[in-house]
């Protein structure tokens, strides 16, 4: 398979967006009037990951501001487990009345290809809007001599089957980001399974793992302590925390940019007027200096996509990951 099929340099066009609408600053939608009687009680947003994690913090930032503009609050309900699938399945079974929302993550774009036995399907949800994408960092252990991503590629190609990398969860953005990079570069690496990213940190620091893509929140203290070396930021722009680290495009591999995006969705049969109202409130929240400032503090890339644009993003990602999963013969362990 032609490796260039997995690039995302054309995502803005695929989503039907002009470049200015894709970049931060897209939150310009007006808020339609709320449907009669809605919301008449508290709305719950299920976050399928633990409280205090990057997904939770990102979504809460938007939801807290949305609550200020609504007659009723939106409360976060954390339901972690099974790489996010437990919470997603719970929302897919919820009444489509606008009172149960989902903190949507790339699991919606991956599950049909990776977990065909589960009921998780993107078509079982309606997008409300995308909030932001958070950066991840390509790092190497200090024992690896490479100082640039190109140098690492050359080093790894000379060691087929001898480069150890962590797999923090099959089908996660981190795992698929690594696989996309290996597909694009021809590196033959050995995946070593871990339950999340943190358990792999000691092995990476000790040199038992040679290379990893880590969420910036995990990578940053390791980089500052000199335990790993940053080679590139998997982000559309350099991050404030690591301004000296080039983006993946600047490092020479624009086609392997992977955005770990987060947004809001609702069960598929949620009424149009409810979705339009929630999407408008989200866009209004995303336009505030408060929300944008807090997300900038997380080094997040603000997306602020409305419901139709977020739907198109999810669909484009489905196509991309289905092709990669097939090409790499990626299989879930359960």
Protein backbone atom coordinates (compact mmCIF):
# COMPACT_ATOMS: atom_id res chain seq x y z
CA UNK A 1 0.00 0.00 0.00
CA UNK A 2 1.22 3.46 -0.83
CA UNK A 3 2.27 5.01 2.47
CA UNK A 4 1.16 8.44 1.32
CA UNK A 5 -2.45 7.29 1.61
CA UNK A 6 -2.25 7.87 5.35
CA UNK A 7 -1.28 11.54 5.24
CA UNK A 8 -3.61 14.25 6.54
CA UNK A 9 -2.20 17.26 4.77
CA UNK A 10 -5.53 17.54 2.94
CA UNK A 11 -7.79 17.26 6.00
CA UNK A 12 -9.04 20.86 5.83
CA UNK A 13 -10.17 20.27 2.24
CA UNK A 14 -11.64 16.90 3.17
CA UNK A 15 -13.71 18.59 5.84
CA UNK A 16 -14.89 21.24 3.44
CA UNK A 17 -13.21 23.95 5.49
CA UNK A 18 -11.18 26.92 4.45
CA UNK A 19 -7.84 27.20 6.21
CA UNK A 20 -8.99 30.06 8.47
CA UNK A 21 -11.99 28.01 9.61
CA UNK A 22 -9.80 25.01 10.44
CA UNK A 23 -7.32 27.03 12.46
CA UNK A 24 -8.01 28.50 15.94
CA UNK A 25 -10.61 31.21 15.76
CA UNK A 26 -13.36 29.22 14.05
CA UNK A 27 -15.88 29.72 16.87
CA UNK A 28 -18.16 32.28 15.29
CA UNK A 29 -21.56 30.58 15.36
CA UNK A 30 -24.57 32.31 16.85
CA UNK A 31 -26.61 30.44 19.44
CA UNK A 32 -30.06 29.37 18.26
CA UNK A 33 -32.88 29.61 20.81
CA UNK A 34 -33.21 26.55 23.04
CA UNK A 35 -35.99 24.10 22.19
CA UNK A 36 -39.11 24.54 24.30
CA UNK A 37 -38.51 23.16 27.77
CA UNK A 38 -34.91 22.20 27.12
CA UNK A 39 -32.94 21.80 29.21
CA UNK A 40 -35.43 21.26 32.00
CA UNK A 41 -32.97 19.41 34.21
CA UNK A 42 -29.25 18.85 34.62
CA UNK A 43 -27.42 17.55 31.54
CA UNK A 44 -24.78 14.86 32.03
CA UNK A 45 -21.62 14.61 29.93
CA UNK A 46 -19.94 11.21 30.15
CA UNK A 47 -16.15 11.39 30.01
CA UNK A 48 -14.92 7.84 29.33
CA UNK A 49 -11.58 8.47 31.05
CA UNK A 50 -10.50 9.21 34.64
CA UNK A 51 -11.02 12.56 36.33
CA UNK A 52 -7.98 14.81 36.17
CA UNK A 53 -6.69 13.39 32.89
CA UNK A 54 -6.16 15.43 29.76
CA UNK A 55 -9.51 14.46 28.21
CA UNK A 56 -11.35 15.34 31.41
CA UNK A 57 -9.62 18.69 31.85
CA UNK A 58 -10.08 19.70 28.21
CA UNK A 59 -13.79 18.87 28.15
CA UNK A 60 -14.49 20.41 31.55
CA UNK A 61 -12.93 23.67 30.36
CA UNK A 62 -15.57 23.97 27.65
CA UNK A 63 -18.46 22.50 29.65
CA UNK A 64 -17.98 24.81 32.63
CA UNK A 65 -18.32 27.80 30.34
CA UNK A 66 -21.30 26.30 28.51
CA UNK A 67 -23.10 25.84 31.82
CA UNK A 68 -22.97 29.58 32.45
CA UNK A 69 -25.01 30.20 29.30
CA UNK A 70 -27.63 27.49 29.85
CA UNK A 71 -30.73 27.29 32.07
CA UNK A 72 -29.33 24.10 33.60
CA UNK A 73 -25.81 22.94 34.32
CA UNK A 74 -23.84 20.27 32.49
CA UNK A 75 -22.26 17.87 34.96
CA UNK A 76 -19.34 15.59 34.12
CA UNK A 77 -19.76 11.87 34.76
CA UNK A 78 -16.42 10.02 34.55
CA UNK A 79 -16.82 6.41 33.42
CA UNK A 80 -13.34 5.10 32.57
CA UNK A 81 -12.42 1.61 31.45
CA UNK A 82 -11.61 -0.54 28.42
CA UNK A 83 -9.68 2.24 26.66
CA UNK A 84 -12.73 4.50 26.80
CA UNK A 85 -15.23 2.01 25.41
CA UNK A 86 -17.28 1.58 28.60
CA UNK A 87 -18.36 5.21 28.70
CA UNK A 88 -18.94 5.35 24.96
CA UNK A 89 -21.20 2.29 25.03
CA UNK A 90 -23.17 3.74 27.95
CA UNK A 91 -23.95 6.91 25.98
CA UNK A 92 -24.85 4.93 22.86
CA UNK A 93 -27.61 3.24 24.92
CA UNK A 94 -28.85 6.45 26.53
CA UNK A 95 -32.13 8.13 25.63
CA UNK A 96 -31.56 10.52 22.70
CA UNK A 97 -33.12 13.46 24.53
CA UNK A 98 -30.12 15.74 24.95
CA UNK A 99 -29.60 14.96 28.62
CA UNK A 100 -26.70 12.53 28.12
CA UNK A 101 -23.71 13.68 26.12
CA UNK A 102 -20.35 12.10 25.34
CA UNK A 103 -16.86 13.48 25.54
CA UNK A 104 -15.95 12.29 22.07
CA UNK A 105 -12.41 11.14 21.32
CA UNK A 106 -10.75 9.32 18.38
CA UNK A 107 -12.14 6.05 19.72
CA UNK A 108 -15.24 6.86 17.65
CA UNK A 109 -13.15 6.74 14.48
CA UNK A 110 -11.29 3.57 15.39
CA UNK A 111 -13.72 1.20 17.04
CA UNK A 112 -15.56 -0.09 13.99
CA UNK A 113 -12.30 -1.27 12.40
CA UNK A 114 -10.58 -2.43 15.57
CA UNK A 115 -13.46 -3.71 17.68
CA UNK A 116 -16.08 -4.99 15.21
CA UNK A 117 -17.69 -7.08 17.96
CA UNK A 118 -18.67 -4.03 20.03
CA UNK A 119 -21.71 -1.81 19.42
CA UNK A 120 -19.54 1.31 19.20
CA UNK A 121 -20.10 2.94 15.83
CA UNK A 122 -19.70 6.56 14.83
CA UNK A 123 -23.12 6.38 13.18
CA UNK A 124 -24.64 5.79 16.64
CA UNK A 125 -23.73 9.37 17.60
CA UNK A 126 -24.32 12.92 16.45
CA UNK A 127 -21.48 15.39 16.67
CA UNK A 128 -22.03 18.56 18.68
CA UNK A 129 -18.63 20.11 18.17
CA UNK A 130 -14.89 19.71 18.57
CA UNK A 131 -13.08 21.52 21.37
CA UNK A 132 -9.35 21.05 20.93
CA UNK A 133 -6.49 18.71 20.15
CA UNK A 134 -3.63 18.10 22.55
CA UNK A 135 0.00 17.59 21.50
CA UNK A 136 2.15 14.52 21.87
CA UNK A 137 5.93 14.31 21.63
CA UNK A 138 8.22 11.86 19.83
CA UNK A 139 11.04 11.03 22.24
CA UNK A 140 14.03 8.70 22.40
CA UNK A 141 15.84 7.21 25.36
CA UNK A 142 19.06 8.97 26.29
CA UNK A 143 20.99 5.88 25.16
CA UNK A 144 19.83 6.40 21.56
CA UNK A 145 22.35 8.62 19.73
CA UNK A 146 19.82 10.37 17.47
CA UNK A 147 19.41 14.11 17.91
CA UNK A 148 16.80 14.56 15.16
CA UNK A 149 13.89 12.49 13.91
CA UNK A 150 15.69 11.85 10.62
CA UNK A 151 18.71 10.56 12.52
CA UNK A 152 16.48 8.24 14.53
CA UNK A 153 14.90 6.87 11.35
CA UNK A 154 18.34 6.08 9.94
CA UNK A 155 19.44 4.50 13.24
CA UNK A 156 16.27 2.40 13.56
CA UNK A 157 16.35 1.19 9.96
CA UNK A 158 19.75 -0.33 10.68
CA UNK A 159 18.22 -2.33 13.54
CA UNK A 160 15.09 -4.05 12.18
CA UNK A 161 13.24 -5.92 14.92
CA UNK A 162 15.55 -4.54 17.62
CA UNK A 163 13.89 -1.20 18.37
CA UNK A 164 11.57 -1.48 21.36
CA UNK A 165 8.56 0.84 21.66
CA UNK A 166 5.68 0.91 24.17
CA UNK A 167 2.09 0.21 23.20
CA UNK A 168 -0.04 1.99 25.83
CA UNK A 169 -3.30 0.65 24.43
CA UNK A 170 -4.11 -0.83 21.04
CA UNK A 171 -6.03 1.67 18.95
CA UNK A 172 -5.20 4.67 21.11
CA UNK A 173 -4.07 7.85 19.37
CA UNK A 174 -0.58 7.28 20.76
CA UNK A 175 -0.39 3.72 19.46
CA UNK A 176 -1.78 4.57 16.04
CA UNK A 177 0.48 7.61 15.81
CA UNK A 178 3.49 5.38 16.30
CA UNK A 179 2.22 2.84 13.79
CA UNK A 180 1.59 5.57 11.24
CA UNK A 181 5.15 6.82 11.70
CA UNK A 182 6.59 3.32 11.27
CA UNK A 183 4.46 2.73 8.16
CA UNK A 184 5.69 5.99 6.65
CA UNK A 185 9.36 5.37 7.45
CA UNK A 186 9.66 1.60 7.06
CA UNK A 187 10.89 1.09 10.62
CA UNK A 188 10.39 -2.43 11.98
CA UNK A 189 9.85 -1.99 15.71
CA UNK A 190 8.85 -4.32 18.54
CA UNK A 191 5.67 -3.28 20.36
CA UNK A 192 5.70 -3.97 24.10
CA UNK A 193 2.32 -3.73 25.77
CA UNK A 194 1.59 -1.53 28.78
CA UNK A 195 -1.61 -0.50 30.54
CA UNK A 196 -1.40 3.15 29.64
CA UNK A 197 1.55 5.45 29.18
CA UNK A 198 2.80 5.95 32.78
CA UNK A 199 3.89 2.32 33.36
CA UNK A 200 6.25 2.55 30.39
CA UNK A 201 8.12 5.57 31.76
CA UNK A 202 10.65 3.65 33.94
CA UNK A 203 11.60 1.34 31.07
CA UNK A 204 11.98 4.30 28.73
CA UNK A 205 14.16 6.13 31.23
CA UNK A 206 16.34 3.05 31.72
CA UNK A 207 16.80 2.49 27.99
CA UNK A 208 14.85 -0.78 27.75
CA UNK A 209 12.54 1.10 25.41
CA UNK A 210 14.21 3.11 22.67
CA UNK A 211 11.49 5.33 21.27
CA UNK A 212 8.00 6.49 22.13
CA UNK A 213 5.24 8.91 21.30
CA UNK A 214 4.09 10.36 24.62
CA UNK A 215 1.40 12.82 25.61
CA UNK A 216 3.16 16.09 26.29
CA UNK A 217 1.96 16.13 29.90
CA UNK A 218 3.86 12.87 30.47
CA UNK A 219 6.83 13.68 28.27
CA UNK A 220 7.56 17.14 29.64
CA UNK A 221 8.95 16.22 33.08
CA UNK A 222 11.03 13.43 31.54
CA UNK A 223 12.48 15.85 28.99
CA UNK A 224 13.23 18.47 31.64
CA UNK A 225 14.94 15.83 33.80
CA UNK A 226 17.10 14.67 30.89
CA UNK A 227 15.71 11.14 30.99
CA UNK A 228 14.52 11.29 27.37
CA UNK A 229 15.25 13.53 24.41
CA UNK A 230 12.50 15.23 22.40
CA UNK A 231 12.77 14.91 18.62
CA UNK A 232 9.48 16.35 17.37
CA UNK A 233 6.08 17.58 18.50
CA UNK A 234 3.13 15.73 17.01
CA UNK A 235 1.18 18.95 16.68
CA UNK A 236 0.25 21.49 14.05
CA UNK A 237 2.34 24.17 15.73
CA UNK A 238 5.22 24.36 18.18
CA UNK A 239 4.08 24.17 21.78
CA UNK A 240 4.61 26.89 24.34
CA UNK A 241 6.19 24.43 26.76
CA UNK A 242 8.72 23.11 24.23
CA UNK A 243 9.25 25.94 21.75
CA UNK A 244 12.66 24.60 20.74
CA UNK A 245 11.21 21.25 19.58
CA UNK A 246 10.21 21.19 15.88
CA UNK A 247 6.78 20.03 14.78
CA UNK A 248 6.49 16.72 12.97
CA UNK A 249 6.14 18.64 9.71
CA UNK A 250 9.24 20.72 10.40
CA UNK A 251 11.09 17.50 11.20
CA UNK A 252 10.31 16.28 7.69
CA UNK A 253 7.26 14.07 8.17
CA UNK A 254 4.10 16.16 7.67
CA UNK A 255 2.02 13.15 6.65
CA UNK A 256 2.20 11.50 10.07
CA UNK A 257 0.62 14.30 12.08
CA UNK A 258 -1.93 12.78 14.45
CA UNK A 259 -4.31 15.00 16.36
CA UNK A 260 -5.67 13.69 19.65
CA UNK A 261 -8.92 15.61 19.36
CA UNK A 262 -11.70 15.94 21.91
CA UNK A 263 -15.24 17.21 21.55
CA UNK A 264 -18.88 16.59 22.41
CA UNK A 265 -21.39 14.22 20.84
CA UNK A 266 -24.89 12.93 21.57
CA UNK A 267 -26.82 9.73 20.80
CA UNK A 268 -27.76 9.45 17.13
CA UNK A 269 -31.48 10.22 17.37
CA UNK A 270 -31.07 13.38 19.46
CA UNK A 271 -33.38 16.04 17.93
CA UNK A 272 -31.89 18.49 15.45
CA UNK A 273 -32.92 21.53 17.49
CA UNK A 274 -31.20 20.19 20.60
CA UNK A 275 -28.00 19.45 18.71
CA UNK A 276 -28.04 22.86 17.04
CA UNK A 277 -28.60 24.60 20.38
CA UNK A 278 -25.79 22.70 22.15
CA UNK A 279 -23.45 23.24 19.21
CA UNK A 280 -24.16 26.96 19.29
CA UNK A 281 -23.56 27.18 23.04
CA UNK A 282 -20.29 25.29 22.62
CA UNK A 283 -19.14 27.59 19.84
CA UNK A 284 -20.00 30.60 21.98
CA UNK A 285 -17.98 29.15 24.85
CA UNK A 286 -15.03 28.43 22.55
CA UNK A 287 -14.96 32.08 21.48
CA UNK A 288 -14.38 33.35 25.00
CA UNK A 289 -10.98 34.50 26.21
CA UNK A 290 -11.47 32.41 29.35
CA UNK A 291 -11.76 29.10 27.54
CA UNK A 292 -9.12 29.88 24.96
CA UNK A 293 -6.70 31.01 27.64
CA UNK A 294 -7.17 27.84 29.70
CA UNK A 295 -6.73 25.62 26.64
CA UNK A 296 -3.62 27.57 25.63
CA UNK A 297 -2.28 26.82 29.08
CA UNK A 298 -2.59 23.12 28.22
CA UNK A 299 -0.73 23.73 24.94
CA UNK A 300 -3.93 22.57 23.25
CA UNK A 301 -4.62 23.39 19.63
CA UNK A 302 -8.05 25.02 19.57
CA UNK A 303 -10.30 23.45 16.93
CA UNK A 304 -13.72 24.94 17.75
CA UNK A 305 -15.48 22.96 15.01
CA UNK A 306 -19.26 23.08 14.79
CA UNK A 307 -21.41 19.96 14.47
CA UNK A 308 -21.19 19.44 10.68
CA UNK A 309 -17.44 20.08 10.59
CA UNK A 310 -16.85 17.72 13.53
CA UNK A 311 -18.93 15.04 11.78
CA UNK A 312 -16.69 15.39 8.74
CA UNK A 313 -13.55 15.15 10.86
CA UNK A 314 -14.77 11.93 12.48
CA UNK A 315 -15.64 10.47 9.06
CA UNK A 316 -12.27 11.43 7.57
CA UNK A 317 -10.47 9.85 10.52
CA UNK A 318 -12.51 6.65 10.14
CA UNK A 319 -11.24 6.24 6.58
CA UNK A 320 -7.67 7.03 7.54
CA UNK A 321 -7.48 4.63 10.50
CA UNK A 322 -9.33 1.80 8.76
CA UNK A 323 -6.69 1.87 6.02
CA UNK A 324 -3.81 1.90 8.51
CA UNK A 325 -5.29 -0.85 10.68
CA UNK A 326 -5.67 -3.06 7.63
CA UNK A 327 -2.22 -2.26 6.24
CA UNK A 328 -0.49 -2.89 9.58
CA UNK A 329 -2.71 -5.86 10.48
CA UNK A 330 -3.45 -4.25 13.84
CA UNK A 331 -5.64 -6.45 16.02
CA UNK A 332 -7.20 -5.76 19.40
CA UNK A 333 -6.41 -8.12 22.24
CA UNK A 334 -10.06 -8.40 23.22
